[in-house]
Amino acid sequence: MSYAVVTTKVDPEMKKQAQKAAAELGVPLSLIIKGLLKQFIKTKTITFNGLDEEPSEYLIKSIKQAEKNLKAGRHSPVFKTGEEAVAWLEKQGV
């Protein structure tokens, strides 16, 4: 079986902690990451249990504005092809 390399940047301390946690389970960190990717592919969802992070005020405001725009019909149309999108943008003068 051939493999592809996935590269991502994480805080060095986070990597160290993740490697330690994986080692405590007796598995390499790559096995944990592969498992998370398989779960993501299967469920098409992301779950962040136990994180204390909250969305910023800017993000909350942006989401609310996007919801208002969607309800008011102020959004770009859905395109089936890239060519359709480019044609629409050109028509808009972009």
PDB file of N, CA and C in Angstrom:
ATOM      1  N   MET A   1       0.850  -1.176   0.000  1.00  0.00           N
ATOM      2  CA  MET A   1       0.000   0.000   0.000  1.00  0.00           C
ATOM      3  C   MET A   1       0.892   1.234   0.000  1.00  0.00           C
ATOM      4  N   SER A   2       0.550   2.201  -0.849  1.00  0.00           N
ATOM      5  CA  SER A   2       1.318   3.441  -0.866  1.00  0.00           C
ATOM      6  C   SER A   2       0.665   4.456   0.062  1.00  0.00           C
ATOM      7  N   TYR A   3       1.446   5.409   0.482  1.00  0.00           N
ATOM      8  CA  TYR A   3       0.962   6.410   1.417  1.00  0.00           C
ATOM      9  C   TYR A   3       1.246   7.801   0.885  1.00  0.00           C
ATOM     10  N   ALA A   4       0.419   8.760   1.273  1.00  0.00           N
ATOM     11  CA  ALA A   4       0.638  10.164   0.964  1.00  0.00           C
ATOM     12  C   ALA A   4       1.035  10.850   2.261  1.00  0.00           C
ATOM     13  N   VAL A   5       1.808  11.887   2.152  1.00  0.00           N
ATOM     14  CA  VAL A   5       2.246  12.637   3.322  1.00  0.00           C
ATOM     15  C   VAL A   5       1.328  13.835   3.512  1.00  0.00           C
ATOM     16  N   VAL A   6       0.849  14.023   4.741  1.00  0.00           N
ATOM     17  CA  VAL A   6       0.046  15.180   5.103  1.00  0.00           C
ATOM     18  C   VAL A   6       0.884  16.006   6.058  1.00  0.00           C
ATOM     19  N   THR A   7       1.099  17.257   5.716  1.00  0.00           N
ATOM     20  CA  THR A   7       1.918  18.129   6.552  1.00  0.00           C
ATOM     21  C   THR A   7       1.039  19.219   7.147  1.00  0.00           C
ATOM     22  N   THR A   8       1.179  19.424   8.441  1.00  0.00           N
ATOM     23  CA  THR A   8       0.449  20.492   9.101  1.00  0.00           C
ATOM     24  C   THR A   8       1.333  21.109  10.165  1.00  0.00           C
ATOM     25  N   LYS A   9       1.073  22.338  10.490  1.00  0.00           N
ATOM     26  CA  LYS A   9       1.853  23.020  11.517  1.00  0.00           C
ATOM     27  C   LYS A   9       1.060  23.039  12.815  1.00  0.00           C
ATOM     28  N   VAL A  10       1.706  22.628  13.887  1.00  0.00           N
ATOM     29  CA  VAL A  10       1.117  22.686  15.219  1.00  0.00           C
ATOM     30  C   VAL A  10       2.158  23.228  16.183  1.00  0.00           C
ATOM     31  N   ASP A  11       1.685  23.715  17.284  1.00  0.00           N
ATOM     32  CA  ASP A  11       2.571  24.202  18.339  1.00  0.00           C
ATOM     33  C   ASP A  11       3.476  23.047  18.788  1.00  0.00           C
ATOM     34  N   PRO A  12       4.787  23.281  18.924  1.00  0.00           N
ATOM     35  CA  PRO A  12       5.700  22.210  19.330  1.00  0.00           C
ATOM     36  C   PRO A  12       5.295  21.538  20.645  1.00  0.00           C
ATOM     37  N   GLU A  13       4.783  22.314  21.583  1.00  0.00           N
ATOM     38  CA  GLU A  13       4.361  21.742  22.860  1.00  0.00           C
ATOM     39  C   GLU A  13       3.153  20.834  22.665  1.00  0.00           C
ATOM     40  N   MET A  14       2.243  21.228  21.789  1.00  0.00           N
ATOM     41  CA  MET A  14       1.077  20.395  21.499  1.00  0.00           C
ATOM     42  C   MET A  14       1.513  19.062  20.899  1.00  0.00           C
ATOM     43  N   LYS A  15       2.478  19.115  19.973  1.00  0.00           N
ATOM     44  CA  LYS A  15       2.976  17.889  19.356  1.00  0.00           C
ATOM     45  C   LYS A  15       3.593  16.983  20.409  1.00  0.00           C
ATOM     46  N   LYS A  16       4.383  17.563  21.290  1.00  0.00           N
ATOM     47  CA  LYS A  16       5.037  16.776  22.341  1.00  0.00           C
ATOM     48  C   LYS A  16       3.998  16.113  23.246  1.00  0.00           C
ATOM     49  N   GLN A  17       2.974  16.874  23.636  1.00  0.00           N
ATOM     50  CA  GLN A  17       1.920  16.329  24.492  1.00  0.00           C
ATOM     51  C   GLN A  17       1.134  15.232  23.780  1.00  0.00           C
ATOM     52  N   ALA A  18       0.857  15.438  22.488  1.00  0.00           N
ATOM     53  CA  ALA A  18       0.121  14.435  21.719  1.00  0.00           C
ATOM     54  C   ALA A  18       0.944  13.152  21.572  1.00  0.00           C
ATOM     55  N   GLN A  19       2.242  13.287  21.320  1.00  0.00           N
ATOM     56  CA  GLN A  19       3.103  12.113  21.215  1.00  0.00           C
ATOM     57  C   GLN A  19       3.156  11.366  22.545  1.00  0.00           C
ATOM     58  N   LYS A  20       3.214  12.101  23.640  1.00  0.00           N
ATOM     59  CA  LYS A  20       3.250  11.483  24.964  1.00  0.00           C
ATOM     60  C   LYS A  20       1.946  10.737  25.240  1.00  0.00           C
ATOM     61  N   ALA A  21       0.808  11.368  24.925  1.00  0.00           N
ATOM     62  CA  ALA A  21      -0.493  10.729  25.159  1.00  0.00           C
ATOM     63  C   ALA A  21      -0.627   9.467  24.308  1.00  0.00           C
ATOM     64  N   ALA A  22      -0.181   9.539  23.050  1.00  0.00           N
ATOM     65  CA  ALA A  22      -0.243   8.367  22.176  1.00  0.00           C
ATOM     66  C   ALA A  22       0.657   7.255  22.706  1.00  0.00           C
ATOM     67  N   ALA A  23       1.841   7.630  23.156  1.00  0.00           N
ATOM     68  CA  ALA A  23       2.772   6.637  23.705  1.00  0.00           C
ATOM     69  C   ALA A  23       2.182   5.963  24.932  1.00  0.00           C
ATOM     70  N   GLU A  24       1.457   6.713  25.764  1.00  0.00           N
ATOM     71  CA  GLU A  24       0.816   6.130  26.942  1.00  0.00           C
ATOM     72  C   GLU A  24      -0.222   5.079  26.549  1.00  0.00           C
ATOM     73  N   LEU A  25      -0.797   5.252  25.357  1.00  0.00           N
ATOM     74  CA  LEU A  25      -1.743   4.264  24.836  1.00  0.00           C
ATOM     75  C   LEU A  25      -1.036   3.145  24.085  1.00  0.00           C
ATOM     76  N   GLY A  26       0.262   3.331  23.863  1.00  0.00           N
ATOM     77  CA  GLY A  26       1.053   2.314  23.173  1.00  0.00           C
ATOM     78  C   GLY A  26       0.914   2.351  21.661  1.00  0.00           C
ATOM     79  N   VAL A  27       0.564   3.512  21.113  1.00  0.00           N
ATOM     80  CA  VAL A  27       0.417   3.641  19.660  1.00  0.00           C
ATOM     81  C   VAL A  27       1.168   4.875  19.177  1.00  0.00           C
ATOM     82  N   PRO A  28       1.572   4.871  17.914  1.00  0.00           N
ATOM     83  CA  PRO A  28       2.228   6.073  17.382  1.00  0.00           C
ATOM     84  C   PRO A  28       1.195   7.173  17.117  1.00  0.00           C
ATOM     85  N   LEU A  29       1.644   8.411  17.144  1.00  0.00           N
ATOM     86  CA  LEU A  29       0.769   9.544  16.901  1.00  0.00           C
ATOM     87  C   LEU A  29       0.118   9.458  15.526  1.00  0.00           C
ATOM     88  N   SER A  30       0.826   8.931  14.546  1.00  0.00           N
ATOM     89  CA  SER A  30       0.264   8.815  13.194  1.00  0.00           C
ATOM     90  C   SER A  30      -0.998   7.953  13.182  1.00  0.00           C
ATOM     91  N   LEU A  31      -1.064   6.935  14.035  1.00  0.00           N
ATOM     92  CA  LEU A  31      -2.260   6.092  14.116  1.00  0.00           C
ATOM     93  C   LEU A  31      -3.453   6.899  14.622  1.00  0.00           C
ATOM     94  N   ILE A  32      -3.212   7.772  15.590  1.00  0.00           N
ATOM     95  CA  ILE A  32      -4.270   8.625  16.125  1.00  0.00           C
ATOM     96  C   ILE A  32      -4.788   9.558  15.023  1.00  0.00           C
ATOM     97  N   ILE A  33      -3.868  10.172  14.294  1.00  0.00           N
ATOM     98  CA  ILE A  33      -4.249  11.109  13.240  1.00  0.00           C
ATOM     99  C   ILE A  33      -5.011  10.386  12.132  1.00  0.00           C
ATOM    100  N   LYS A  34      -4.549   9.198  11.736  1.00  0.00           N
ATOM    101  CA  LYS A  34      -5.262   8.428  10.709  1.00  0.00           C
ATOM    102  C   LYS A  34      -6.673   8.100  11.169  1.00  0.00           C
ATOM    103  N   GLY A  35      -6.819   7.729  12.434  1.00  0.00           N
ATOM    104  CA  GLY A  35      -8.142   7.414  12.975  1.00  0.00           C
ATOM    105  C   GLY A  35      -9.072   8.618  12.941  1.00  0.00           C
ATOM    106  N   LEU A  36      -8.534   9.780  13.303  1.00  0.00           N
ATOM    107  CA  LEU A  36      -9.338  11.002  13.263  1.00  0.00           C
ATOM    108  C   LEU A  36      -9.757  11.344  11.833  1.00  0.00           C
ATOM    109  N   LEU A  37      -8.853  11.156  10.872  1.00  0.00           N
ATOM    110  CA  LEU A  37      -9.189  11.428   9.479  1.00  0.00           C
ATOM    111  C   LEU A  37     -10.255  10.456   8.970  1.00  0.00           C
ATOM    112  N   LYS A  38     -10.140   9.172   9.335  1.00  0.00           N
ATOM    113  CA  LYS A  38     -11.150   8.191   8.921  1.00  0.00           C
ATOM    114  C   LYS A  38     -12.518   8.551   9.495  1.00  0.00           C
ATOM    115  N   GLN A  39     -12.544   8.966  10.760  1.00  0.00           N
ATOM    116  CA  GLN A  39     -13.801   9.361  11.391  1.00  0.00           C
ATOM    117  C   GLN A  39     -14.388  10.578  10.679  1.00  0.00           C
ATOM    118  N   PHE A  40     -13.552  11.539  10.354  1.00  0.00           N
ATOM    119  CA  PHE A  40     -14.008  12.736   9.646  1.00  0.00           C
ATOM    120  C   PHE A  40     -14.597  12.376   8.289  1.00  0.00           C
ATOM    121  N   ILE A  41     -13.928  11.501   7.543  1.00  0.00           N
ATOM    122  CA  ILE A  41     -14.412  11.081   6.225  1.00  0.00           C
ATOM    123  C   ILE A  41     -15.757  10.380   6.353  1.00  0.00           C
ATOM    124  N   LYS A  42     -15.879   9.526   7.345  1.00  0.00           N
ATOM    125  CA  LYS A  42     -17.106   8.741   7.531  1.00  0.00           C
ATOM    126  C   LYS A  42     -18.281   9.615   7.965  1.00  0.00           C
ATOM    127  N   THR A  43     -18.063  10.504   8.917  1.00  0.00           N
ATOM    128  CA  THR A  43     -19.162  11.278   9.502  1.00  0.00           C
ATOM    129  C   THR A  43     -19.316  12.668   8.909  1.00  0.00           C
ATOM    130  N   LYS A  44     -18.254  13.156   8.265  1.00  0.00           N
ATOM    131  CA  LYS A  44     -18.222  14.533   7.744  1.00  0.00           C
ATOM    132  C   LYS A  44     -18.584  15.545   8.831  1.00  0.00           C
ATOM    133  N   THR A  45     -18.155  15.246  10.044  1.00  0.00           N
ATOM    134  CA  THR A  45     -18.342  16.156  11.171  1.00  0.00           C
ATOM    135  C   THR A  45     -17.036  16.266  11.937  1.00  0.00           C
ATOM    136  N   ILE A  46     -16.932  17.344  12.698  1.00  0.00           N
ATOM    137  CA  ILE A  46     -15.767  17.560  13.546  1.00  0.00           C
ATOM    138  C   ILE A  46     -16.283  17.809  14.954  1.00  0.00           C
ATOM    139  N   THR A  47     -15.761  17.075  15.909  1.00  0.00           N
ATOM    140  CA  THR A  47     -16.173  17.245  17.296  1.00  0.00           C
ATOM    141  C   THR A  47     -14.951  17.611  18.123  1.00  0.00           C
ATOM    142  N   PHE A  48     -15.044  18.713  18.828  1.00  0.00           N
ATOM    143  CA  PHE A  48     -13.970  19.164  19.691  1.00  0.00           C
ATOM    144  C   PHE A  48     -14.458  19.082  21.133  1.00  0.00           C
ATOM    145  N   ASN A  49     -14.422  17.922  21.717  1.00  0.00           N
ATOM    146  CA  ASN A  49     -14.862  17.749  23.101  1.00  0.00           C
ATOM    147  C   ASN A  49     -13.826  18.301  24.064  1.00  0.00           C
ATOM    148  N   GLY A  50     -14.302  18.971  25.083  1.00  0.00           N
ATOM    149  CA  GLY A  50     -13.422  19.392  26.160  1.00  0.00           C
ATOM    150  C   GLY A  50     -12.603  20.640  25.895  1.00  0.00           C
ATOM    151  N   LEU A  51     -12.827  21.308  24.783  1.00  0.00           N
ATOM    152  CA  LEU A  51     -12.080  22.530  24.523  1.00  0.00           C
ATOM    153  C   LEU A  51     -12.807  23.707  25.154  1.00  0.00           C
ATOM    154  N   ASP A  52     -12.053  24.618  25.689  1.00  0.00           N
ATOM    155  CA  ASP A  52     -12.631  25.781  26.351  1.00  0.00           C
ATOM    156  C   ASP A  52     -12.711  26.989  25.420  1.00  0.00           C
ATOM    157  N   GLU A  53     -12.563  26.765  24.131  1.00  0.00           N
ATOM    158  CA  GLU A  53     -12.545  27.887  23.208  1.00  0.00           C
ATOM    159  C   GLU A  53     -13.958  28.323  22.853  1.00  0.00           C
ATOM    160  N   GLU A  54     -14.122  29.616  22.736  1.00  0.00           N
ATOM    161  CA  GLU A  54     -15.397  30.223  22.369  1.00  0.00           C
ATOM    162  C   GLU A  54     -15.177  31.041  21.102  1.00  0.00           C
ATOM    163  N   PRO A  55     -16.200  31.148  20.252  1.00  0.00           N
ATOM    164  CA  PRO A  55     -16.028  31.990  19.062  1.00  0.00           C
ATOM    165  C   PRO A  55     -15.863  33.449  19.465  1.00  0.00           C
ATOM    166  N   SER A  56     -15.065  34.155  18.688  1.00  0.00           N
ATOM    167  CA  SER A  56     -14.831  35.573  18.976  1.00  0.00           C
ATOM    168  C   SER A  56     -16.090  36.378  18.672  1.00  0.00           C
ATOM    169  N   GLU A  57     -16.149  37.573  19.222  1.00  0.00           N
ATOM    170  CA  GLU A  57     -17.269  38.469  18.949  1.00  0.00           C
ATOM    171  C   GLU A  57     -17.356  38.764  17.453  1.00  0.00           C
ATOM    172  N   TYR A  58     -16.195  38.927  16.823  1.00  0.00           N
ATOM    173  CA  TYR A  58     -16.156  39.196  15.388  1.00  0.00           C
ATOM    174  C   TYR A  58     -16.788  38.042  14.613  1.00  0.00           C
ATOM    175  N   LEU A  59     -16.453  36.806  14.979  1.00  0.00           N
ATOM    176  CA  LEU A  59     -17.008  35.644  14.292  1.00  0.00           C
ATOM    177  C   LEU A  59     -18.515  35.554  14.504  1.00  0.00           C
ATOM    178  N   ILE A  60     -18.954  35.761  15.719  1.00  0.00           N
ATOM    179  CA  ILE A  60     -20.398  35.721  16.019  1.00  0.00           C
ATOM    180  C   ILE A  60     -21.133  36.779  15.198  1.00  0.00           C
ATOM    181  N   LYS A  61     -20.584  37.995  15.154  1.00  0.00           N
ATOM    182  CA  LYS A  61     -21.194  39.089  14.389  1.00  0.00           C
ATOM    183  C   LYS A  61     -21.225  38.741  12.898  1.00  0.00           C
ATOM    184  N   SER A  62     -20.134  38.166  12.386  1.00  0.00           N
ATOM    185  CA  SER A  62     -20.054  37.809  10.972  1.00  0.00           C
ATOM    186  C   SER A  62     -21.070  36.732  10.612  1.00  0.00           C
ATOM    187  N   ILE A  63     -21.234  35.755  11.480  1.00  0.00           N
ATOM    188  CA  ILE A  63     -22.202  34.678  11.230  1.00  0.00           C
ATOM    189  C   ILE A  63     -23.619  35.233  11.223  1.00  0.00           C
ATOM    190  N   LYS A  64     -23.931  36.094  12.182  1.00  0.00           N
ATOM    191  CA  LYS A  64     -25.263  36.694  12.234  1.00  0.00           C
ATOM    192  C   LYS A  64     -25.538  37.519  10.977  1.00  0.00           C
ATOM    193  N   GLN A  65     -24.541  38.282  10.526  1.00  0.00           N
ATOM    194  CA  GLN A  65     -24.707  39.090   9.319  1.00  0.00           C
ATOM    195  C   GLN A  65     -24.901  38.189   8.101  1.00  0.00           C
ATOM    196  N   ALA A  66     -24.146  37.105   8.016  1.00  0.00           N
ATOM    197  CA  ALA A  66     -24.287  36.177   6.895  1.00  0.00           C
ATOM    198  C   ALA A  66     -25.678  35.547   6.879  1.00  0.00           C
ATOM    199  N   GLU A  67     -26.206  35.214   8.061  1.00  0.00           N
ATOM    200  CA  GLU A  67     -27.551  34.649   8.144  1.00  0.00           C
ATOM    201  C   GLU A  67     -28.596  35.663   7.685  1.00  0.00           C
ATOM    202  N   LYS A  68     -28.440  36.931   8.081  1.00  0.00           N
ATOM    203  CA  LYS A  68     -29.357  37.989   7.636  1.00  0.00           C
ATOM    204  C   LYS A  68     -29.286  38.153   6.124  1.00  0.00           C
ATOM    205  N   ASN A  69     -28.072  38.171   5.579  1.00  0.00           N
ATOM    206  CA  ASN A  69     -27.898  38.318   4.132  1.00  0.00           C
ATOM    207  C   ASN A  69     -28.548  37.157   3.387  1.00  0.00           C
ATOM    208  N   LEU A  70     -28.388  35.956   3.892  1.00  0.00           N
ATOM    209  CA  LEU A  70     -28.968  34.781   3.246  1.00  0.00           C
ATOM    210  C   LEU A  70     -30.492  34.880   3.228  1.00  0.00           C
ATOM    211  N   LYS A  71     -31.083  35.243   4.377  1.00  0.00           N
ATOM    212  CA  LYS A  71     -32.542  35.372   4.452  1.00  0.00           C
ATOM    213  C   LYS A  71     -33.056  36.467   3.538  1.00  0.00           C
ATOM    214  N   ALA A  72     -32.277  37.541   3.372  1.00  0.00           N
ATOM    215  CA  ALA A  72     -32.683  38.663   2.525  1.00  0.00           C
ATOM    216  C   ALA A  72     -32.365  38.424   1.050  1.00  0.00           C
ATOM    217  N   GLY A  73     -31.737  37.291   0.755  1.00  0.00           N
ATOM    218  CA  GLY A  73     -31.411  36.985  -0.638  1.00  0.00           C
ATOM    219  C   GLY A  73     -30.176  37.691  -1.155  1.00  0.00           C
ATOM    220  N   ARG A  74     -29.381  38.244  -0.235  1.00  0.00           N
ATOM    221  CA  ARG A  74     -28.151  38.940  -0.628  1.00  0.00           C
ATOM    222  C   ARG A  74     -26.976  37.975  -0.539  1.00  0.00           C
ATOM    223  N   HIS A  75     -26.846  37.160  -1.565  1.00  0.00           N
ATOM    224  CA  HIS A  75     -25.729  36.211  -1.616  1.00  0.00           C
ATOM    225  C   HIS A  75     -25.486  35.836  -3.070  1.00  0.00           C
ATOM    226  N   SER A  76     -24.347  35.263  -3.348  1.00  0.00           N
ATOM    227  CA  SER A  76     -24.060  34.838  -4.716  1.00  0.00           C
ATOM    228  C   SER A  76     -24.828  33.549  -5.006  1.00  0.00           C
ATOM    229  N   PRO A  77     -25.093  33.296  -6.271  1.00  0.00           N
ATOM    230  CA  PRO A  77     -25.808  32.070  -6.625  1.00  0.00           C
ATOM    231  C   PRO A  77     -24.919  30.838  -6.474  1.00  0.00           C
ATOM    232  N   VAL A  78     -25.546  29.675  -6.567  1.00  0.00           N
ATOM    233  CA  VAL A  78     -24.816  28.410  -6.509  1.00  0.00           C
ATOM    234  C   VAL A  78     -24.436  28.040  -7.938  1.00  0.00           C
ATOM    235  N   PHE A  79     -23.213  27.587  -8.126  1.00  0.00           N
ATOM    236  CA  PHE A  79     -22.723  27.241  -9.454  1.00  0.00           C
ATOM    237  C   PHE A  79     -22.433  25.755  -9.552  1.00  0.00           C
ATOM    238  N   LYS A  80     -22.675  25.199 -10.729  1.00  0.00           N
ATOM    239  CA  LYS A  80     -22.387  23.783 -10.965  1.00  0.00           C
ATOM    240  C   LYS A  80     -20.970  23.579 -11.485  1.00  0.00           C
ATOM    241  N   THR A  81     -20.414  24.600 -12.128  1.00  0.00           N
ATOM    242  CA  THR A  81     -19.067  24.487 -12.677  1.00  0.00           C
ATOM    243  C   THR A  81     -18.279  25.754 -12.378  1.00  0.00           C
ATOM    244  N   GLY A  82     -16.991  25.644 -12.488  1.00  0.00           N
ATOM    245  CA  GLY A  82     -16.128  26.800 -12.324  1.00  0.00           C
ATOM    246  C   GLY A  82     -16.362  27.836 -13.409  1.00  0.00           C
ATOM    247  N   GLU A  83     -16.672  27.340 -14.611  1.00  0.00           N
ATOM    248  CA  GLU A  83     -16.931  28.251 -15.718  1.00  0.00           C
ATOM    249  C   GLU A  83     -18.152  29.120 -15.431  1.00  0.00           C
ATOM    250  N   GLU A  84     -19.199  28.521 -14.845  1.00  0.00           N
ATOM    251  CA  GLU A  84     -20.390  29.296 -14.479  1.00  0.00           C
ATOM    252  C   GLU A  84     -20.034  30.390 -13.468  1.00  0.00           C
ATOM    253  N   ALA A  85     -19.194  30.052 -12.511  1.00  0.00           N
ATOM    254  CA  ALA A  85     -18.801  31.021 -11.486  1.00  0.00           C
ATOM    255  C   ALA A  85     -18.016  32.169 -12.101  1.00  0.00           C
ATOM    256  N   VAL A  86     -17.080  31.836 -12.958  1.00  0.00           N
ATOM    257  CA  VAL A  86     -16.269  32.876 -13.599  1.00  0.00           C
ATOM    258  C   VAL A  86     -17.146  33.774 -14.466  1.00  0.00           C
ATOM    259  N   ALA A  87     -18.082  33.180 -15.220  1.00  0.00           N
ATOM    260  CA  ALA A  87     -18.980  33.974 -16.063  1.00  0.00           C
ATOM    261  C   ALA A  87     -19.812  34.928 -15.208  1.00  0.00           C
ATOM    262  N   TRP A  88     -20.298  34.456 -14.068  1.00  0.00           N
ATOM    263  CA  TRP A  88     -21.093  35.309 -13.183  1.00  0.00           C
ATOM    264  C   TRP A  88     -20.238  36.457 -12.641  1.00  0.00           C
ATOM    265  N   LEU A  89     -19.007  36.144 -12.220  1.00  0.00           N
ATOM    266  CA  LEU A  89     -18.114  37.187 -11.710  1.00  0.00           C
ATOM    267  C   LEU A  89     -17.816  38.232 -12.782  1.00  0.00           C
ATOM    268  N   GLU A  90     -17.565  37.780 -13.993  1.00  0.00           N
ATOM    269  CA  GLU A  90     -17.284  38.719 -15.077  1.00  0.00           C
ATOM    270  C   GLU A  90     -18.493  39.605 -15.348  1.00  0.00           C
ATOM    271  N   LYS A  91     -19.686  39.026 -15.271  1.00  0.00           N
ATOM    272  CA  LYS A  91     -20.906  39.794 -15.471  1.00  0.00           C
ATOM    273  C   LYS A  91     -21.067  40.860 -14.379  1.00  0.00           C
ATOM    274  N   GLN A  92     -20.543  40.560 -13.175  1.00  0.00           N
ATOM    275  CA  GLN A  92     -20.609  41.496 -12.066  1.00  0.00           C
ATOM    276  C   GLN A  92     -19.532  42.561 -12.165  1.00  0.00           C
ATOM    277  N   GLY A  93     -18.604  42.392 -13.104  1.00  0.00           N
ATOM    278  CA  GLY A  93     -17.523  43.352 -13.274  1.00  0.00           C
ATOM    279  C   GLY A  93     -16.355  43.101 -12.344  1.00  0.00           C
ATOM    280  N   VAL A  94     -16.260  41.891 -11.856  1.00  0.00           N
ATOM    281  CA  VAL A  94     -15.161  41.546 -10.935  1.00  0.00           C
ATOM    282  C   VAL A  94     -13.994  41.008 -11.731  1.00  0.00           C
TER     283      VAL A  94
END
